[in-house]
Amino acid sequence: MTGPQAKGRGVRTDYRHLAPITTRWMDNDVYGHVNNATYYSYFDTAVNTHLIRQGALGPAHGPVIGLVVESGCRYAAPISFPDAVTAGLRVGRVGSSSVRYEIGLFRNGESQAAAEGFFIHVYVDRETRRPVPLPPELRRVVEGLLQ
Protein backbone atom coordinates (compact mmCIF):
# COMPACT_ATOMS: atom_id res chain seq x y z
CA MET A 1 0.00 0.00 0.00
CA THR A 2 1.03 3.53 -0.62
CA GLY A 3 -0.32 6.74 0.81
CA PRO A 4 -1.85 7.43 4.21
CA GLN A 5 -2.97 3.86 4.92
CA ALA A 6 0.63 2.57 4.73
CA LYS A 7 1.06 3.94 8.27
CA GLY A 8 -2.02 2.20 9.67
CA ARG A 9 -5.66 1.60 8.91
CA GLY A 10 -6.99 4.03 6.37
CA VAL A 11 -9.94 6.32 6.99
CA ARG A 12 -12.78 7.37 4.72
CA THR A 13 -11.19 10.72 3.87
CA ASP A 14 -8.21 8.85 2.37
CA TYR A 15 -10.46 7.88 -0.55
CA ARG A 16 -11.77 10.02 -3.43
CA HIS A 17 -15.04 8.13 -4.06
CA LEU A 18 -17.36 6.29 -1.66
CA ALA A 19 -20.09 3.82 -2.63
CA PRO A 20 -22.28 1.30 -0.79
CA ILE A 21 -21.65 -2.43 -1.12
CA THR A 22 -24.48 -4.77 -0.15
CA THR A 23 -23.43 -7.78 1.90
CA ARG A 24 -25.37 -10.97 1.26
CA TRP A 25 -26.27 -13.95 3.45
CA MET A 26 -24.08 -16.18 1.29
CA ASP A 27 -21.01 -13.96 1.88
CA ASN A 28 -20.59 -15.31 5.42
CA ASP A 29 -18.51 -18.42 5.91
CA VAL A 30 -18.71 -21.09 8.61
CA TYR A 31 -16.83 -18.76 10.97
CA GLY A 32 -19.61 -16.18 10.83
CA HIS A 33 -17.84 -13.47 8.85
CA VAL A 34 -17.43 -12.57 5.19
CA ASN A 35 -15.07 -15.03 3.55
CA ASN A 36 -11.71 -13.55 2.56
CA ALA A 37 -12.22 -14.29 -1.14
CA THR A 38 -15.45 -12.29 -1.14
CA TYR A 39 -13.54 -9.09 -0.31
CA TYR A 40 -12.02 -9.29 -3.82
CA SER A 41 -15.53 -9.41 -5.27
CA TYR A 42 -16.36 -6.24 -3.33
CA PHE A 43 -13.19 -4.60 -4.69
CA ASP A 44 -14.07 -5.58 -8.26
CA THR A 45 -17.62 -4.30 -7.78
CA ALA A 46 -16.43 -0.94 -6.44
CA VAL A 47 -13.95 -0.36 -9.28
CA ASN A 48 -16.07 -1.54 -12.19
CA THR A 49 -19.33 0.04 -11.01
CA HIS A 50 -17.60 3.41 -10.82
CA LEU A 51 -15.97 3.05 -14.25
CA ILE A 52 -19.21 1.92 -15.90
CA ARG A 53 -21.31 4.67 -14.29
CA GLN A 54 -18.76 7.27 -15.40
CA GLY A 55 -18.93 5.98 -19.00
CA ALA A 56 -15.27 4.95 -18.95
CA LEU A 57 -15.72 1.19 -19.40
CA GLY A 58 -17.96 -0.94 -21.62
CA PRO A 59 -17.35 -4.42 -20.25
CA ALA A 60 -19.60 -6.31 -22.65
CA HIS A 61 -18.63 -4.69 -25.94
CA GLY A 62 -15.99 -1.99 -25.43
CA PRO A 63 -12.76 -2.29 -27.43
CA VAL A 64 -10.62 -2.18 -24.25
CA ILE A 65 -10.83 -4.41 -21.18
CA GLY A 66 -8.92 -4.38 -17.91
CA LEU A 67 -7.10 -7.52 -16.81
CA VAL A 68 -5.97 -7.93 -13.21
CA VAL A 69 -2.22 -8.57 -13.09
CA GLU A 70 -1.72 -8.13 -9.35
CA SER A 71 -3.91 -7.84 -6.26
CA GLY A 72 -3.66 -7.82 -2.51
CA CYS A 73 -5.64 -7.28 0.68
CA ARG A 74 -4.97 -6.50 4.34
CA TYR A 75 -7.70 -7.49 6.77
CA ALA A 76 -8.01 -5.45 9.97
CA ALA A 77 -11.50 -6.25 11.28
CA PRO A 78 -14.22 -8.72 10.30
CA ILE A 79 -17.20 -7.84 8.14
CA SER A 80 -20.35 -9.96 8.49
CA PHE A 81 -23.77 -10.08 6.89
CA PRO A 82 -25.85 -7.91 7.35
CA ASP A 83 -23.22 -5.20 7.88
CA ALA A 84 -23.62 -2.06 5.80
CA VAL A 85 -20.36 -1.67 3.89
CA THR A 86 -19.02 1.40 2.15
CA ALA A 87 -16.22 0.99 -0.38
CA GLY A 88 -13.71 3.80 -0.66
CA LEU A 89 -11.97 4.05 -4.03
CA ARG A 90 -8.88 5.90 -5.16
CA VAL A 91 -6.10 5.47 -7.70
CA GLY A 92 -2.52 5.13 -6.52
CA ARG A 93 -0.84 5.20 -9.93
CA VAL A 94 -1.73 5.69 -13.59
CA GLY A 95 0.63 4.34 -16.24
CA SER A 96 0.33 4.36 -20.01
CA SER A 97 -1.75 1.14 -20.04
CA SER A 98 -2.15 0.30 -16.36
CA VAL A 99 -3.92 1.59 -13.26
CA ARG A 100 -3.45 0.75 -9.59
CA TYR A 101 -6.86 0.93 -7.88
CA GLU A 102 -6.88 1.09 -4.09
CA ILE A 103 -10.00 0.18 -2.14
CA GLY A 104 -10.95 0.48 1.52
CA LEU A 105 -13.96 -1.30 3.00
CA PHE A 106 -15.72 0.42 5.89
CA ARG A 107 -18.45 -1.26 7.92
CA ASN A 108 -21.49 0.26 9.58
CA GLY A 109 -20.37 3.88 9.37
CA GLU A 110 -16.97 3.28 11.00
CA SER A 111 -14.24 5.73 10.09
CA GLN A 112 -11.38 3.19 9.93
CA ALA A 113 -11.17 0.57 7.19
CA ALA A 114 -12.01 -3.01 8.06
CA ALA A 115 -9.96 -4.08 5.03
CA GLU A 116 -7.82 -2.40 2.38
CA GLY A 117 -6.73 -3.81 -0.91
CA PHE A 118 -5.62 -3.07 -4.41
CA PHE A 119 -5.93 -4.25 -8.00
CA ILE A 120 -3.55 -3.43 -10.79
CA HIS A 121 -5.34 -3.57 -14.12
CA VAL A 122 -3.55 -3.59 -17.44
CA TYR A 123 -5.84 -2.41 -20.20
CA VAL A 124 -5.72 -4.50 -23.33
CA ASP A 125 -7.38 -4.70 -26.72
CA ARG A 126 -10.42 -6.98 -26.38
CA GLU A 127 -9.46 -9.06 -29.42
CA THR A 128 -5.65 -9.26 -29.32
CA ARG A 129 -5.25 -9.11 -25.52
CA ARG A 130 -2.24 -6.86 -26.04
CA PRO A 131 -1.73 -3.76 -23.86
CA VAL A 132 -3.03 -0.50 -25.26
CA PRO A 133 -2.84 3.10 -24.05
CA LEU A 134 -5.66 4.09 -21.73
CA PRO A 135 -8.53 5.55 -23.74
CA PRO A 136 -8.99 9.30 -23.06
CA GLU A 137 -12.29 8.90 -21.15
CA LEU A 138 -10.85 6.15 -18.93
CA ARG A 139 -7.73 8.23 -18.28
CA ARG A 140 -9.89 11.22 -17.31
CA VAL A 141 -11.94 9.16 -14.84
CA VAL A 142 -9.00 7.38 -13.19
CA GLU A 143 -6.94 10.58 -12.93
CA GLY A 144 -9.90 12.07 -11.08
CA LEU A 145 -9.38 9.36 -8.44
CA LEU A 146 -5.67 9.99 -7.95
CA GLN A 147 -4.79 10.44 -4.31
C-alpha atoms as a PDB file:
ATOM      1  CA  MET A   1       0.000   0.000   0.000  1.00  0.00           C
ATOM      2  CA  THR A   2       1.030   3.534  -0.622  1.00  0.00           C
ATOM      3  CA  GLY A   3      -0.320   6.740   0.815  1.00  0.00           C
ATOM      4  CA  PRO A   4      -1.847   7.428   4.213  1.00  0.00           C
ATOM      5  CA  GLN A   5      -2.970   3.864   4.922  1.00  0.00           C
ATOM      6  CA  ALA A   6       0.630   2.569   4.733  1.00  0.00           C
ATOM      7  CA  LYS A   7       1.064   3.945   8.271  1.00  0.00           C
ATOM      8  CA  GLY A   8      -2.019   2.198   9.673  1.00  0.00           C
ATOM      9  CA  ARG A   9      -5.660   1.602   8.912  1.00  0.00           C
ATOM     10  CA  GLY A  10      -6.992   4.030   6.367  1.00  0.00           C
ATOM     11  CA  VAL A  11      -9.939   6.318   6.989  1.00  0.00           C
ATOM     12  CA  ARG A  12     -12.778   7.374   4.721  1.00  0.00           C
ATOM     13  CA  THR A  13     -11.193  10.716   3.871  1.00  0.00           C
ATOM     14  CA  ASP A  14      -8.209   8.852   2.371  1.00  0.00           C
ATOM     15  CA  TYR A  15     -10.462   7.879  -0.549  1.00  0.00           C
ATOM     16  CA  ARG A  16     -11.773  10.021  -3.431  1.00  0.00           C
ATOM     17  CA  HIS A  17     -15.043   8.132  -4.064  1.00  0.00           C
ATOM     18  CA  LEU A  18     -17.358   6.295  -1.661  1.00  0.00           C
ATOM     19  CA  ALA A  19     -20.092   3.821  -2.628  1.00  0.00           C
ATOM     20  CA  PRO A  20     -22.280   1.302  -0.788  1.00  0.00           C
ATOM     21  CA  ILE A  21     -21.655  -2.432  -1.117  1.00  0.00           C
ATOM     22  CA  THR A  22     -24.481  -4.770  -0.152  1.00  0.00           C
ATOM     23  CA  THR A  23     -23.434  -7.776   1.902  1.00  0.00           C
ATOM     24  CA  ARG A  24     -25.365 -10.968   1.262  1.00  0.00           C
ATOM     25  CA  TRP A  25     -26.265 -13.950   3.454  1.00  0.00           C
ATOM     26  CA  MET A  26     -24.080 -16.183   1.286  1.00  0.00           C
ATOM     27  CA  ASP A  27     -21.011 -13.962   1.877  1.00  0.00           C
ATOM     28  CA  ASN A  28     -20.588 -15.307   5.424  1.00  0.00           C
ATOM     29  CA  ASP A  29     -18.510 -18.420   5.909  1.00  0.00           C
ATOM     30  CA  VAL A  30     -18.715 -21.087   8.607  1.00  0.00           C
ATOM     31  CA  TYR A  31     -16.826 -18.760  10.973  1.00  0.00           C
ATOM     32  CA  GLY A  32     -19.615 -16.180  10.827  1.00  0.00           C
ATOM     33  CA  HIS A  33     -17.839 -13.468   8.853  1.00  0.00           C
ATOM     34  CA  VAL A  34     -17.430 -12.575   5.188  1.00  0.00           C
ATOM     35  CA  ASN A  35     -15.068 -15.025   3.548  1.00  0.00           C
ATOM     36  CA  ASN A  36     -11.712 -13.550   2.564  1.00  0.00           C
ATOM     37  CA  ALA A  37     -12.217 -14.287  -1.140  1.00  0.00           C
ATOM     38  CA  THR A  38     -15.450 -12.286  -1.138  1.00  0.00           C
ATOM     39  CA  TYR A  39     -13.535  -9.094  -0.315  1.00  0.00           C
ATOM     40  CA  TYR A  40     -12.016  -9.286  -3.816  1.00  0.00           C
ATOM     41  CA  SER A  41     -15.534  -9.413  -5.268  1.00  0.00           C
ATOM     42  CA  TYR A  42     -16.357  -6.242  -3.328  1.00  0.00           C
ATOM     43  CA  PHE A  43     -13.189  -4.599  -4.687  1.00  0.00           C
ATOM     44  CA  ASP A  44     -14.074  -5.576  -8.257  1.00  0.00           C
ATOM     45  CA  THR A  45     -17.620  -4.299  -7.778  1.00  0.00           C
ATOM     46  CA  ALA A  46     -16.432  -0.939  -6.441  1.00  0.00           C
ATOM     47  CA  VAL A  47     -13.945  -0.365  -9.282  1.00  0.00           C
ATOM     48  CA  ASN A  48     -16.071  -1.537 -12.186  1.00  0.00           C
ATOM     49  CA  THR A  49     -19.330   0.041 -11.010  1.00  0.00           C
ATOM     50  CA  HIS A  50     -17.602   3.409 -10.824  1.00  0.00           C
ATOM     51  CA  LEU A  51     -15.969   3.049 -14.250  1.00  0.00           C
ATOM     52  CA  ILE A  52     -19.215   1.917 -15.898  1.00  0.00           C
ATOM     53  CA  ARG A  53     -21.305   4.675 -14.294  1.00  0.00           C
ATOM     54  CA  GLN A  54     -18.759   7.268 -15.397  1.00  0.00           C
ATOM     55  CA  GLY A  55     -18.933   5.979 -18.999  1.00  0.00           C
ATOM     56  CA  ALA A  56     -15.271   4.947 -18.951  1.00  0.00           C
ATOM     57  CA  LEU A  57     -15.722   1.189 -19.396  1.00  0.00           C
ATOM     58  CA  GLY A  58     -17.958  -0.939 -21.618  1.00  0.00           C
ATOM     59  CA  PRO A  59     -17.346  -4.422 -20.246  1.00  0.00           C
ATOM     60  CA  ALA A  60     -19.603  -6.307 -22.645  1.00  0.00           C
ATOM     61  CA  HIS A  61     -18.628  -4.687 -25.942  1.00  0.00           C
ATOM     62  CA  GLY A  62     -15.987  -1.991 -25.434  1.00  0.00           C
ATOM     63  CA  PRO A  63     -12.759  -2.287 -27.427  1.00  0.00           C
ATOM     64  CA  VAL A  64     -10.619  -2.178 -24.249  1.00  0.00           C
ATOM     65  CA  ILE A  65     -10.833  -4.415 -21.176  1.00  0.00           C
ATOM     66  CA  GLY A  66      -8.923  -4.376 -17.914  1.00  0.00           C
ATOM     67  CA  LEU A  67      -7.098  -7.525 -16.810  1.00  0.00           C
ATOM     68  CA  VAL A  68      -5.970  -7.929 -13.210  1.00  0.00           C
ATOM     69  CA  VAL A  69      -2.220  -8.573 -13.090  1.00  0.00           C
ATOM     70  CA  GLU A  70      -1.716  -8.130  -9.348  1.00  0.00           C
ATOM     71  CA  SER A  71      -3.910  -7.838  -6.260  1.00  0.00           C
ATOM     72  CA  GLY A  72      -3.656  -7.824  -2.507  1.00  0.00           C
ATOM     73  CA  CYS A  73      -5.636  -7.277   0.677  1.00  0.00           C
ATOM     74  CA  ARG A  74      -4.971  -6.500   4.341  1.00  0.00           C
ATOM     75  CA  TYR A  75      -7.701  -7.493   6.772  1.00  0.00           C
ATOM     76  CA  ALA A  76      -8.011  -5.455   9.967  1.00  0.00           C
ATOM     77  CA  ALA A  77     -11.498  -6.245  11.282  1.00  0.00           C
ATOM     78  CA  PRO A  78     -14.218  -8.722  10.297  1.00  0.00           C
ATOM     79  CA  ILE A  79     -17.199  -7.841   8.144  1.00  0.00           C
ATOM     80  CA  SER A  80     -20.348  -9.955   8.488  1.00  0.00           C
ATOM     81  CA  PHE A  81     -23.766 -10.080   6.887  1.00  0.00           C
ATOM     82  CA  PRO A  82     -25.849  -7.912   7.353  1.00  0.00           C
ATOM     83  CA  ASP A  83     -23.216  -5.197   7.879  1.00  0.00           C
ATOM     84  CA  ALA A  84     -23.623  -2.055   5.799  1.00  0.00           C
ATOM     85  CA  VAL A  85     -20.364  -1.675   3.891  1.00  0.00           C
ATOM     86  CA  THR A  86     -19.024   1.402   2.146  1.00  0.00           C
ATOM     87  CA  ALA A  87     -16.224   0.993  -0.382  1.00  0.00           C
ATOM     88  CA  GLY A  88     -13.711   3.801  -0.663  1.00  0.00           C
ATOM     89  CA  LEU A  89     -11.966   4.053  -4.027  1.00  0.00           C
ATOM     90  CA  ARG A  90      -8.881   5.904  -5.164  1.00  0.00           C
ATOM     91  CA  VAL A  91      -6.102   5.470  -7.702  1.00  0.00           C
ATOM     92  CA  GLY A  92      -2.524   5.127  -6.522  1.00  0.00           C
ATOM     93  CA  ARG A  93      -0.841   5.203  -9.926  1.00  0.00           C
ATOM     94  CA  VAL A  94      -1.727   5.687 -13.593  1.00  0.00           C
ATOM     95  CA  GLY A  95       0.630   4.342 -16.240  1.00  0.00           C
ATOM     96  CA  SER A  96       0.329   4.355 -20.006  1.00  0.00           C
ATOM     97  CA  SER A  97      -1.746   1.142 -20.044  1.00  0.00           C
ATOM     98  CA  SER A  98      -2.151   0.297 -16.356  1.00  0.00           C
ATOM     99  CA  VAL A  99      -3.918   1.591 -13.261  1.00  0.00           C
ATOM    100  CA  ARG A 100      -3.451   0.749  -9.589  1.00  0.00           C
ATOM    101  CA  TYR A 101      -6.855   0.930  -7.884  1.00  0.00           C
ATOM    102  CA  GLU A 102      -6.879   1.086  -4.087  1.00  0.00           C
ATOM    103  CA  ILE A 103      -9.996   0.177  -2.138  1.00  0.00           C
ATOM    104  CA  GLY A 104     -10.952   0.482   1.523  1.00  0.00           C
ATOM    105  CA  LEU A 105     -13.959  -1.300   3.001  1.00  0.00           C
ATOM    106  CA  PHE A 106     -15.720   0.421   5.890  1.00  0.00           C
ATOM    107  CA  ARG A 107     -18.446  -1.265   7.920  1.00  0.00           C
ATOM    108  CA  ASN A 108     -21.488   0.261   9.580  1.00  0.00           C
ATOM    109  CA  GLY A 109     -20.367   3.883   9.371  1.00  0.00           C
ATOM    110  CA  GLU A 110     -16.974   3.276  10.998  1.00  0.00           C
ATOM    111  CA  SER A 111     -14.243   5.727  10.089  1.00  0.00           C
ATOM    112  CA  GLN A 112     -11.380   3.188   9.931  1.00  0.00           C
ATOM    113  CA  ALA A 113     -11.166   0.571   7.191  1.00  0.00           C
ATOM    114  CA  ALA A 114     -12.010  -3.014   8.064  1.00  0.00           C
ATOM    115  CA  ALA A 115      -9.962  -4.084   5.028  1.00  0.00           C
ATOM    116  CA  GLU A 116      -7.822  -2.399   2.379  1.00  0.00           C
ATOM    117  CA  GLY A 117      -6.727  -3.812  -0.908  1.00  0.00           C
ATOM    118  CA  PHE A 118      -5.616  -3.069  -4.409  1.00  0.00           C
ATOM    119  CA  PHE A 119      -5.934  -4.246  -7.997  1.00  0.00           C
ATOM    120  CA  ILE A 120      -3.547  -3.430 -10.794  1.00  0.00           C
ATOM    121  CA  HIS A 121      -5.341  -3.566 -14.121  1.00  0.00           C
ATOM    122  CA  VAL A 122      -3.551  -3.592 -17.437  1.00  0.00           C
ATOM    123  CA  TYR A 123      -5.838  -2.412 -20.198  1.00  0.00           C
ATOM    124  CA  VAL A 124      -5.715  -4.503 -23.331  1.00  0.00           C
ATOM    125  CA  ASP A 125      -7.384  -4.701 -26.721  1.00  0.00           C
ATOM    126  CA  ARG A 126     -10.422  -6.980 -26.379  1.00  0.00           C
ATOM    127  CA  GLU A 127      -9.460  -9.055 -29.418  1.00  0.00           C
ATOM    128  CA  THR A 128      -5.652  -9.264 -29.320  1.00  0.00           C
ATOM    129  CA  ARG A 129      -5.250  -9.112 -25.518  1.00  0.00           C
ATOM    130  CA  ARG A 130      -2.235  -6.861 -26.043  1.00  0.00           C
ATOM    131  CA  PRO A 131      -1.728  -3.760 -23.863  1.00  0.00           C
ATOM    132  CA  VAL A 132      -3.035  -0.495 -25.263  1.00  0.00           C
ATOM    133  CA  PRO A 133      -2.837   3.102 -24.050  1.00  0.00           C
ATOM    134  CA  LEU A 134      -5.663   4.093 -21.727  1.00  0.00           C
ATOM    135  CA  PRO A 135      -8.532   5.551 -23.739  1.00  0.00           C
ATOM    136  CA  PRO A 136      -8.993   9.302 -23.056  1.00  0.00           C
ATOM    137  CA  GLU A 137     -12.289   8.896 -21.152  1.00  0.00           C
ATOM    138  CA  LEU A 138     -10.848   6.152 -18.931  1.00  0.00           C
ATOM    139  CA  ARG A 139      -7.733   8.230 -18.278  1.00  0.00           C
ATOM    140  CA  ARG A 140      -9.894  11.217 -17.311  1.00  0.00           C
ATOM    141  CA  VAL A 141     -11.939   9.163 -14.836  1.00  0.00           C
ATOM    142  CA  VAL A 142      -8.996   7.385 -13.194  1.00  0.00           C
ATOM    143  CA  GLU A 143      -6.942  10.577 -12.933  1.00  0.00           C
ATOM    144  CA  GLY A 144      -9.897  12.067 -11.080  1.00  0.00           C
ATOM    145  CA  LEU A 145      -9.377   9.357  -8.437  1.00  0.00           C
ATOM    146  CA  LEU A 146      -5.669   9.986  -7.954  1.00  0.00           C
ATOM    147  CA  GLN A 147      -4.795  10.438  -4.306  1.00  0.00           C
END
